Amino acid sequence: MRNVKISTRLYCLVAFTLVVLAATMVFFLNYSYSELEEERKAGLAQLDATALGIFDKYYKLEQAGTMTREQAQTAAKDVIGAMRYGADGYFWINDMHPKMVMHPIKPALNGTDIIPDEGSERQVPVRRVRQQGEEGRQGLRRLLLAEAGRR
């Protein structure tokens, strides 16, 4: 090591320091992203619980005879249709077929079959979401759908 010039040693020290700094930044950026994603999932779970609470409220009103089934379903759809989260998130309602019951951004989809054509890239995610619901499991799926504010 004595034969190496001092400038070369300094360059190696600076290069090593930069590599360690870059590795540390990458680690913490990845960690921060994971934490933010977990926070978003927890927030969405709370919003889902809120939506389920709305359904439960109108179901109880129907059961008590305060509202007819049609009135309760319409009121629940109106409230859920008005719910938003984030800049472009929204809730929709579909049945187990799945047929679209209420879509707040594209009302033309209401009453339509939302199973994509066989072989479509969207076929697999829609089937997985349906299977998850049939099994009573909770979870998040990323779907490319209409954005709020765009019709």
N, C-alpha and C. Protein backbone atom coordinates (compact mmCIF):
# COMPACT_ATOMS: atom_id res chain seq x y z
N MET A 1 0.83 -1.19 0.00
CA MET A 1 0.00 0.00 0.00
C MET A 1 0.88 1.25 0.00
N ARG A 2 2.13 1.13 0.40
CA ARG A 2 3.02 2.29 0.44
C ARG A 2 3.39 2.76 -0.96
N ASN A 3 3.28 1.88 -1.96
CA ASN A 3 3.65 2.25 -3.32
C ASN A 3 2.53 3.02 -4.03
N VAL A 4 1.34 3.07 -3.44
CA VAL A 4 0.20 3.76 -4.05
C VAL A 4 0.25 5.23 -3.67
N LYS A 5 0.04 6.07 -4.66
CA LYS A 5 0.08 7.51 -4.40
C LYS A 5 -1.03 7.91 -3.43
N ILE A 6 -0.80 8.95 -2.69
CA ILE A 6 -1.80 9.43 -1.74
C ILE A 6 -3.06 9.90 -2.45
N SER A 7 -2.94 10.48 -3.64
CA SER A 7 -4.13 10.92 -4.38
C SER A 7 -4.99 9.72 -4.78
N THR A 8 -4.37 8.62 -5.13
CA THR A 8 -5.11 7.40 -5.48
C THR A 8 -5.84 6.87 -4.26
N ARG A 9 -5.15 6.89 -3.10
CA ARG A 9 -5.79 6.44 -1.86
C ARG A 9 -7.00 7.31 -1.53
N LEU A 10 -6.87 8.61 -1.69
CA LEU A 10 -7.99 9.52 -1.41
C LEU A 10 -9.15 9.29 -2.38
N TYR A 11 -8.84 9.08 -3.65
CA TYR A 11 -9.90 8.80 -4.62
C TYR A 11 -10.64 7.51 -4.25
N CYS A 12 -9.89 6.49 -3.83
CA CYS A 12 -10.52 5.23 -3.43
C CYS A 12 -11.40 5.43 -2.20
N LEU A 13 -10.93 6.22 -1.25
CA LEU A 13 -11.70 6.50 -0.05
C LEU A 13 -12.99 7.25 -0.39
N VAL A 14 -12.89 8.25 -1.27
CA VAL A 14 -14.08 9.00 -1.69
C VAL A 14 -15.04 8.08 -2.44
N ALA A 15 -14.52 7.23 -3.34
CA ALA A 15 -15.37 6.31 -4.11
C ALA A 15 -16.07 5.33 -3.16
N PHE A 16 -15.35 4.79 -2.19
CA PHE A 16 -15.95 3.87 -1.23
C PHE A 16 -17.05 4.56 -0.43
N THR A 17 -16.80 5.79 0.00
CA THR A 17 -17.78 6.56 0.76
C THR A 17 -19.03 6.80 -0.07
N LEU A 18 -18.86 7.14 -1.35
CA LEU A 18 -20.01 7.37 -2.22
C LEU A 18 -20.81 6.10 -2.45
N VAL A 19 -20.14 4.96 -2.59
CA VAL A 19 -20.85 3.69 -2.77
C VAL A 19 -21.66 3.36 -1.52
N VAL A 20 -21.07 3.54 -0.34
CA VAL A 20 -21.79 3.28 0.91
C VAL A 20 -22.98 4.23 1.04
N LEU A 21 -22.79 5.49 0.71
CA LEU A 21 -23.87 6.48 0.78
C LEU A 21 -25.00 6.12 -0.18
N ALA A 22 -24.65 5.75 -1.40
CA ALA A 22 -25.67 5.37 -2.40
C ALA A 22 -26.43 4.13 -1.95
N ALA A 23 -25.73 3.14 -1.41
CA ALA A 23 -26.40 1.92 -0.94
C ALA A 23 -27.35 2.24 0.21
N THR A 24 -26.92 3.11 1.11
CA THR A 24 -27.77 3.51 2.23
C THR A 24 -29.02 4.23 1.73
N MET A 25 -28.87 5.10 0.76
CA MET A 25 -30.01 5.83 0.20
C MET A 25 -31.00 4.87 -0.46
N VAL A 26 -30.49 3.93 -1.22
CA VAL A 26 -31.36 2.96 -1.89
C VAL A 26 -32.13 2.15 -0.85
N PHE A 27 -31.45 1.70 0.19
CA PHE A 27 -32.11 0.93 1.25
C PHE A 27 -33.23 1.74 1.90
N PHE A 28 -32.95 2.98 2.28
CA PHE A 28 -33.95 3.78 2.98
C PHE A 28 -35.09 4.24 2.06
N LEU A 29 -34.79 4.48 0.79
CA LEU A 29 -35.88 4.80 -0.14
C LEU A 29 -36.82 3.62 -0.30
N ASN A 30 -36.28 2.43 -0.41
CA ASN A 30 -37.10 1.23 -0.53
C ASN A 30 -37.91 1.02 0.75
N TYR A 31 -37.30 1.22 1.88
CA TYR A 31 -37.99 1.08 3.16
C TYR A 31 -39.11 2.11 3.27
N SER A 32 -38.84 3.35 2.89
CA SER A 32 -39.85 4.40 2.95
C SER A 32 -41.02 4.09 2.03
N TYR A 33 -40.74 3.60 0.84
CA TYR A 33 -41.80 3.23 -0.09
C TYR A 33 -42.67 2.13 0.50
N SER A 34 -42.04 1.13 1.11
CA SER A 34 -42.80 0.04 1.72
C SER A 34 -43.68 0.54 2.85
N GLU A 35 -43.16 1.44 3.65
CA GLU A 35 -43.93 2.01 4.76
C GLU A 35 -45.13 2.81 4.23
N LEU A 36 -44.90 3.62 3.20
CA LEU A 36 -45.99 4.40 2.61
C LEU A 36 -47.06 3.49 2.02
N GLU A 37 -46.63 2.42 1.39
CA GLU A 37 -47.59 1.48 0.81
C GLU A 37 -48.42 0.82 1.90
N GLU A 38 -47.79 0.44 3.00
CA GLU A 38 -48.53 -0.16 4.11
C GLU A 38 -49.52 0.83 4.72
N GLU A 39 -49.13 2.09 4.83
CA GLU A 39 -50.04 3.11 5.34
C GLU A 39 -51.24 3.29 4.42
N ARG A 40 -50.98 3.28 3.11
CA ARG A 40 -52.08 3.41 2.15
C ARG A 40 -53.03 2.22 2.25
N LYS A 41 -52.48 1.02 2.37
CA LYS A 41 -53.32 -0.17 2.52
C LYS A 41 -54.18 -0.09 3.78
N ALA A 42 -53.58 0.38 4.87
CA ALA A 42 -54.34 0.51 6.12
C ALA A 42 -55.46 1.54 5.96
N GLY A 43 -55.16 2.65 5.27
CA GLY A 43 -56.17 3.67 5.02
C GLY A 43 -57.31 3.14 4.16
N LEU A 44 -56.97 2.36 3.15
CA LEU A 44 -57.99 1.76 2.29
C LEU A 44 -58.84 0.75 3.06
N ALA A 45 -58.21 0.01 3.97
CA ALA A 45 -58.98 -0.94 4.79
C ALA A 45 -59.98 -0.18 5.65
N GLN A 46 -59.60 0.99 6.17
CA GLN A 46 -60.52 1.79 6.97
C GLN A 46 -61.67 2.31 6.11
N LEU A 47 -61.35 2.74 4.89
CA LEU A 47 -62.41 3.20 3.99
C LEU A 47 -63.35 2.07 3.61
N ASP A 48 -62.81 0.88 3.42
CA ASP A 48 -63.66 -0.29 3.14
C ASP A 48 -64.59 -0.55 4.31
N ALA A 49 -64.04 -0.45 5.52
CA ALA A 49 -64.86 -0.67 6.71
C ALA A 49 -65.98 0.38 6.78
N THR A 50 -65.65 1.61 6.39
CA THR A 50 -66.66 2.67 6.36
C THR A 50 -67.77 2.33 5.36
N ALA A 51 -67.36 1.88 4.17
CA ALA A 51 -68.35 1.51 3.15
C ALA A 51 -69.23 0.36 3.63
N LEU A 52 -68.63 -0.63 4.26
CA LEU A 52 -69.41 -1.75 4.78
C LEU A 52 -70.35 -1.28 5.89
N GLY A 53 -69.92 -0.32 6.68
CA GLY A 53 -70.79 0.25 7.71
C GLY A 53 -71.99 0.96 7.11
N ILE A 54 -71.78 1.62 5.97
CA ILE A 54 -72.89 2.28 5.27
C ILE A 54 -73.90 1.25 4.78
N PHE A 55 -73.38 0.16 4.19
CA PHE A 55 -74.29 -0.91 3.74
C PHE A 55 -75.07 -1.47 4.92
N ASP A 56 -74.38 -1.70 6.02
CA ASP A 56 -75.01 -2.25 7.21
C ASP A 56 -76.09 -1.32 7.75
N LYS A 57 -75.81 -0.02 7.75
CA LYS A 57 -76.80 0.96 8.23
C LYS A 57 -78.09 0.87 7.42
N TYR A 58 -77.97 0.87 6.10
CA TYR A 58 -79.17 0.84 5.26
C TYR A 58 -79.86 -0.52 5.29
N TYR A 59 -79.08 -1.58 5.51
CA TYR A 59 -79.69 -2.90 5.67
C TYR A 59 -80.55 -2.93 6.94
N LYS A 60 -80.01 -2.36 8.01
CA LYS A 60 -80.77 -2.31 9.28
C LYS A 60 -82.01 -1.44 9.15
N LEU A 61 -81.92 -0.35 8.39
CA LEU A 61 -83.09 0.49 8.17
C LEU A 61 -84.16 -0.27 7.39
N GLU A 62 -83.72 -1.08 6.44
CA GLU A 62 -84.68 -1.90 5.69
C GLU A 62 -85.31 -2.95 6.61
N GLN A 63 -84.48 -3.61 7.40
CA GLN A 63 -84.97 -4.65 8.31
C GLN A 63 -85.95 -4.09 9.34
N ALA A 64 -85.71 -2.82 9.74
CA ALA A 64 -86.59 -2.20 10.73
C ALA A 64 -87.89 -1.70 10.10
N GLY A 65 -87.97 -1.72 8.78
CA GLY A 65 -89.16 -1.26 8.09
C GLY A 65 -89.19 0.24 7.86
N THR A 66 -88.09 0.91 8.17
CA THR A 66 -88.01 2.36 7.97
C THR A 66 -87.93 2.70 6.49
N MET A 67 -87.29 1.83 5.72
CA MET A 67 -87.14 2.03 4.28
C MET A 67 -87.48 0.72 3.57
N THR A 68 -87.90 0.85 2.33
CA THR A 68 -88.09 -0.35 1.52
C THR A 68 -86.70 -0.80 1.06
N ARG A 69 -86.63 -2.02 0.56
CA ARG A 69 -85.35 -2.53 0.06
C ARG A 69 -84.81 -1.63 -1.05
N GLU A 70 -85.68 -1.25 -1.96
CA GLU A 70 -85.25 -0.40 -3.08
C GLU A 70 -84.74 0.95 -2.59
N GLN A 71 -85.46 1.56 -1.63
CA GLN A 71 -85.02 2.84 -1.08
C GLN A 71 -83.66 2.71 -0.38
N ALA A 72 -83.50 1.65 0.40
CA ALA A 72 -82.24 1.44 1.12
C ALA A 72 -81.09 1.20 0.15
N GLN A 73 -81.31 0.40 -0.88
CA GLN A 73 -80.26 0.13 -1.87
C GLN A 73 -79.90 1.39 -2.63
N THR A 74 -80.89 2.17 -3.02
CA THR A 74 -80.63 3.42 -3.75
C THR A 74 -79.85 4.39 -2.88
N ALA A 75 -80.26 4.53 -1.61
CA ALA A 75 -79.56 5.44 -0.70
C ALA A 75 -78.11 5.00 -0.48
N ALA A 76 -77.91 3.70 -0.28
CA ALA A 76 -76.55 3.18 -0.09
C ALA A 76 -75.69 3.43 -1.33
N LYS A 77 -76.26 3.18 -2.52
CA LYS A 77 -75.52 3.43 -3.76
C LYS A 77 -75.14 4.89 -3.90
N ASP A 78 -76.05 5.78 -3.53
CA ASP A 78 -75.76 7.22 -3.62
C ASP A 78 -74.62 7.62 -2.70
N VAL A 79 -74.64 7.12 -1.47
CA VAL A 79 -73.58 7.47 -0.51
C VAL A 79 -72.24 6.88 -0.95
N ILE A 80 -72.23 5.61 -1.32
CA ILE A 80 -70.99 4.96 -1.76
C ILE A 80 -70.47 5.62 -3.03
N GLY A 81 -71.37 5.98 -3.93
CA GLY A 81 -70.96 6.63 -5.18
C GLY A 81 -70.31 7.98 -4.96
N ALA A 82 -70.64 8.64 -3.87
CA ALA A 82 -70.05 9.95 -3.56
C ALA A 82 -68.72 9.84 -2.83
N MET A 83 -68.39 8.65 -2.33
CA MET A 83 -67.13 8.49 -1.58
C MET A 83 -65.93 8.53 -2.51
N ARG A 84 -64.87 9.20 -2.05
CA ARG A 84 -63.61 9.28 -2.79
C ARG A 84 -62.46 9.10 -1.82
N TYR A 85 -61.33 8.71 -2.35
CA TYR A 85 -60.11 8.69 -1.56
C TYR A 85 -58.95 9.09 -2.45
N GLY A 86 -58.01 9.80 -1.89
CA GLY A 86 -56.86 10.26 -2.66
C GLY A 86 -57.30 11.19 -3.78
N ALA A 87 -56.42 11.35 -4.74
CA ALA A 87 -56.69 12.26 -5.86
C ALA A 87 -57.68 11.68 -6.86
N ASP A 88 -57.65 10.36 -7.05
CA ASP A 88 -58.48 9.79 -8.10
C ASP A 88 -59.12 8.45 -7.74
N GLY A 89 -59.22 8.16 -6.45
CA GLY A 89 -59.80 6.89 -6.03
C GLY A 89 -61.30 6.99 -5.82
N TYR A 90 -62.00 5.90 -6.08
CA TYR A 90 -63.45 5.87 -5.91
C TYR A 90 -63.89 4.44 -5.61
N PHE A 91 -65.12 4.30 -5.18
CA PHE A 91 -65.70 2.99 -4.90
C PHE A 91 -66.76 2.68 -5.95
N TRP A 92 -66.89 1.42 -6.28
CA TRP A 92 -67.98 0.98 -7.13
C TRP A 92 -68.57 -0.26 -6.48
N ILE A 93 -69.73 -0.66 -6.97
CA ILE A 93 -70.41 -1.84 -6.43
C ILE A 93 -70.68 -2.79 -7.59
N ASN A 94 -70.28 -4.04 -7.40
CA ASN A 94 -70.67 -5.07 -8.35
C ASN A 94 -71.18 -6.28 -7.58
N ASP A 95 -71.99 -7.09 -8.27
CA ASP A 95 -72.49 -8.29 -7.61
C ASP A 95 -71.49 -9.43 -7.83
N MET A 96 -71.86 -10.64 -7.45
CA MET A 96 -70.92 -11.76 -7.51
C MET A 96 -70.79 -12.38 -8.90
N HIS A 97 -71.59 -11.94 -9.86
CA HIS A 97 -71.49 -12.52 -11.22
C HIS A 97 -70.14 -12.24 -11.85
N PRO A 98 -69.52 -11.21 -12.02
CA PRO A 98 -69.81 -9.86 -11.56
C PRO A 98 -70.49 -9.00 -12.62
N LYS A 99 -71.55 -8.39 -12.18
CA LYS A 99 -72.28 -7.41 -12.98
C LYS A 99 -72.16 -6.08 -12.23
N MET A 100 -71.94 -5.00 -12.97
CA MET A 100 -71.78 -3.69 -12.35
C MET A 100 -73.12 -3.22 -11.81
N VAL A 101 -73.18 -2.94 -10.51
CA VAL A 101 -74.38 -2.43 -9.88
C VAL A 101 -74.34 -0.91 -9.89
N MET A 102 -73.18 -0.32 -9.52
CA MET A 102 -73.05 1.14 -9.50
C MET A 102 -71.60 1.52 -9.76
N HIS A 103 -71.39 2.36 -10.76
CA HIS A 103 -70.06 2.90 -11.05
C HIS A 103 -70.20 4.41 -11.08
N PRO A 104 -69.52 5.12 -10.15
CA PRO A 104 -69.72 6.57 -10.04
C PRO A 104 -69.10 7.38 -11.17
N ILE A 105 -68.12 6.84 -11.86
CA ILE A 105 -67.41 7.58 -12.90
C ILE A 105 -67.99 7.29 -14.28
N LYS A 106 -68.36 6.04 -14.50
CA LYS A 106 -68.93 5.63 -15.79
C LYS A 106 -70.29 4.97 -15.56
N PRO A 107 -71.33 5.78 -15.35
CA PRO A 107 -72.66 5.21 -15.10
C PRO A 107 -73.17 4.32 -16.23
N ALA A 108 -72.62 4.47 -17.43
CA ALA A 108 -73.05 3.63 -18.54
C ALA A 108 -72.72 2.16 -18.28
N LEU A 109 -71.80 1.88 -17.37
CA LEU A 109 -71.45 0.50 -17.03
C LEU A 109 -72.48 -0.15 -16.12
N ASN A 110 -73.32 0.65 -15.47
CA ASN A 110 -74.30 0.10 -14.53
C ASN A 110 -75.20 -0.92 -15.23
N GLY A 111 -75.31 -2.09 -14.62
CA GLY A 111 -76.13 -3.15 -15.18
C GLY A 111 -75.43 -4.02 -16.22
N THR A 112 -74.19 -3.70 -16.55
CA THR A 112 -73.48 -4.48 -17.57
C THR A 112 -72.63 -5.57 -16.93
N ASP A 113 -72.36 -6.59 -17.73
CA ASP A 113 -71.49 -7.69 -17.32
C ASP A 113 -70.06 -7.17 -17.38
N ILE A 114 -69.32 -7.29 -16.28
CA ILE A 114 -67.96 -6.74 -16.29
C ILE A 114 -66.89 -7.81 -16.40
N ILE A 115 -67.28 -9.05 -16.72
CA ILE A 115 -66.27 -10.06 -16.98
C ILE A 115 -65.70 -9.78 -18.37
N PRO A 116 -64.40 -9.54 -18.44
CA PRO A 116 -63.80 -9.29 -19.75
C PRO A 116 -63.89 -10.52 -20.66
N ASP A 117 -63.72 -10.26 -21.95
CA ASP A 117 -63.74 -11.36 -22.92
C ASP A 117 -62.67 -12.38 -22.58
N GLU A 118 -62.95 -13.63 -22.88
CA GLU A 118 -61.99 -14.71 -22.65
C GLU A 118 -60.69 -14.38 -23.37
N GLY A 119 -59.57 -14.55 -22.68
CA GLY A 119 -58.27 -14.26 -23.27
C GLY A 119 -57.82 -12.83 -23.07
N SER A 120 -58.69 -11.98 -22.54
CA SER A 120 -58.33 -10.59 -22.29
C SER A 120 -57.32 -10.52 -21.15
N GLU A 121 -56.46 -9.50 -21.17
CA GLU A 121 -55.48 -9.31 -20.09
C GLU A 121 -56.18 -9.06 -18.77
N ARG A 122 -57.39 -8.50 -18.79
CA ARG A 122 -58.12 -8.18 -17.57
C ARG A 122 -58.91 -9.38 -17.03
N GLN A 123 -58.98 -10.47 -17.79
CA GLN A 123 -59.76 -11.63 -17.38
C GLN A 123 -59.26 -12.20 -16.05
N VAL A 124 -57.97 -12.39 -15.92
CA VAL A 124 -57.40 -13.03 -14.73
C VAL A 124 -57.63 -12.19 -13.47
N PRO A 125 -57.31 -10.88 -13.45
CA PRO A 125 -57.54 -10.11 -12.22
C PRO A 125 -59.00 -10.08 -11.79
N VAL A 126 -59.93 -9.96 -12.74
CA VAL A 126 -61.35 -9.92 -12.40
C VAL A 126 -61.77 -11.25 -11.78
N ARG A 127 -61.30 -12.35 -12.31
CA ARG A 127 -61.63 -13.66 -11.74
C ARG A 127 -61.03 -13.82 -10.34
N ARG A 128 -59.81 -13.30 -10.15
CA ARG A 128 -59.18 -13.41 -8.82
C ARG A 128 -59.93 -12.58 -7.78
N VAL A 129 -60.36 -11.39 -8.16
CA VAL A 129 -61.12 -10.55 -7.24
C VAL A 129 -62.42 -11.26 -6.87
N ARG A 130 -63.08 -11.83 -7.85
CA ARG A 130 -64.34 -12.54 -7.61
C ARG A 130 -64.10 -13.72 -6.67
N GLN A 131 -63.05 -14.51 -6.95
CA GLN A 131 -62.74 -15.67 -6.11
C GLN A 131 -62.42 -15.24 -4.68
N GLN A 132 -61.70 -14.16 -4.54
CA GLN A 132 -61.38 -13.64 -3.22
C GLN A 132 -62.65 -13.31 -2.44
N GLY A 133 -63.60 -12.68 -3.13
CA GLY A 133 -64.87 -12.34 -2.49
C GLY A 133 -65.69 -13.56 -2.13
N GLU A 134 -65.71 -14.55 -3.02
CA GLU A 134 -66.47 -15.77 -2.74
C GLU A 134 -65.91 -16.51 -1.54
N GLU A 135 -64.59 -16.43 -1.35
CA GLU A 135 -63.95 -17.12 -0.23
C GLU A 135 -64.01 -16.29 1.05
N GLY A 136 -64.56 -15.08 0.96
CA GLY A 136 -64.67 -14.23 2.13
C GLY A 136 -63.34 -13.63 2.55
N ARG A 137 -62.36 -13.65 1.64
CA ARG A 137 -61.04 -13.11 1.97
C ARG A 137 -60.99 -11.63 1.62
N GLN A 138 -60.16 -10.93 2.37
CA GLN A 138 -59.94 -9.52 2.10
C GLN A 138 -58.61 -9.37 1.40
N GLY A 139 -58.43 -8.25 0.76
CA GLY A 139 -57.16 -7.98 0.11
C GLY A 139 -57.28 -6.84 -0.86
N LEU A 140 -56.15 -6.45 -1.38
CA LEU A 140 -56.09 -5.35 -2.35
C LEU A 140 -55.67 -5.89 -3.70
N ARG A 141 -56.27 -5.34 -4.72
CA ARG A 141 -55.88 -5.64 -6.10
C ARG A 141 -55.72 -4.33 -6.83
N ARG A 142 -54.69 -4.24 -7.61
CA ARG A 142 -54.50 -3.04 -8.44
C ARG A 142 -55.17 -3.29 -9.77
N LEU A 143 -56.11 -2.42 -10.09
CA LEU A 143 -56.85 -2.54 -11.34
C LEU A 143 -56.73 -1.24 -12.11
N LEU A 144 -56.62 -1.33 -13.40
CA LEU A 144 -56.60 -0.15 -14.24
C LEU A 144 -58.02 0.15 -14.66
N LEU A 145 -58.60 1.15 -14.02
CA LEU A 145 -59.99 1.50 -14.28
C LEU A 145 -60.06 2.99 -14.55
N ALA A 146 -61.26 3.46 -14.79
CA ALA A 146 -61.48 4.88 -15.06
C ALA A 146 -61.06 5.72 -13.85
N GLU A 147 -60.42 6.85 -14.10
CA GLU A 147 -60.02 7.74 -13.04
C GLU A 147 -61.14 8.71 -12.71
N ALA A 148 -61.23 9.08 -11.44
CA ALA A 148 -62.23 10.05 -11.02
C ALA A 148 -61.99 11.36 -11.75
N GLY A 149 -63.05 11.98 -12.17
CA GLY A 149 -62.92 13.25 -12.88
C GLY A 149 -62.80 13.09 -14.39
N ARG A 150 -62.53 11.88 -14.84
CA ARG A 150 -62.44 11.63 -16.28
C ARG A 150 -63.59 10.75 -16.69
N ARG A 151 -64.30 11.15 -17.69
CA ARG A 151 -65.46 10.36 -18.13
C ARG A 151 -65.20 9.77 -19.48
